[in-house]
């Protein structure tokens, strides 16, 4: 997650740097307020990173459990030929992984990883 624009840490930072009212501006200019906001931003950022790490652990465990329950892949080959939209290719690759498709072949002008839109 390189995009933190909607994160609580970013919102706390923005509310301090860009106060929306006179009262918020007066509160931001109080002595010691900068240190308090900085601590809050650090805490919220650490909390977000821990939540993401927890999600990854659970996601990886879920994939491992799925492999144990059904170790084989479906004998299906998906051929993506001249698909222009990188978003559609990424969506199809994720769906193929979830459906446990045996192989996916990209041909023609079809964008392939590590194209940023495919990886999204």
Foldseek 3Di string as FASTA:
>chain_A
DPDCCPFPLNVLVCCLVPPDDPVSPVQSPDPPNVVVNVVVSVVSVVVVVVVVVVVVVVVVVVVVVVCVVPVAADADEAEAEPDDDLLVLLVVVVVCVVNRYPYYHYYDPHDDPPPVNSVD
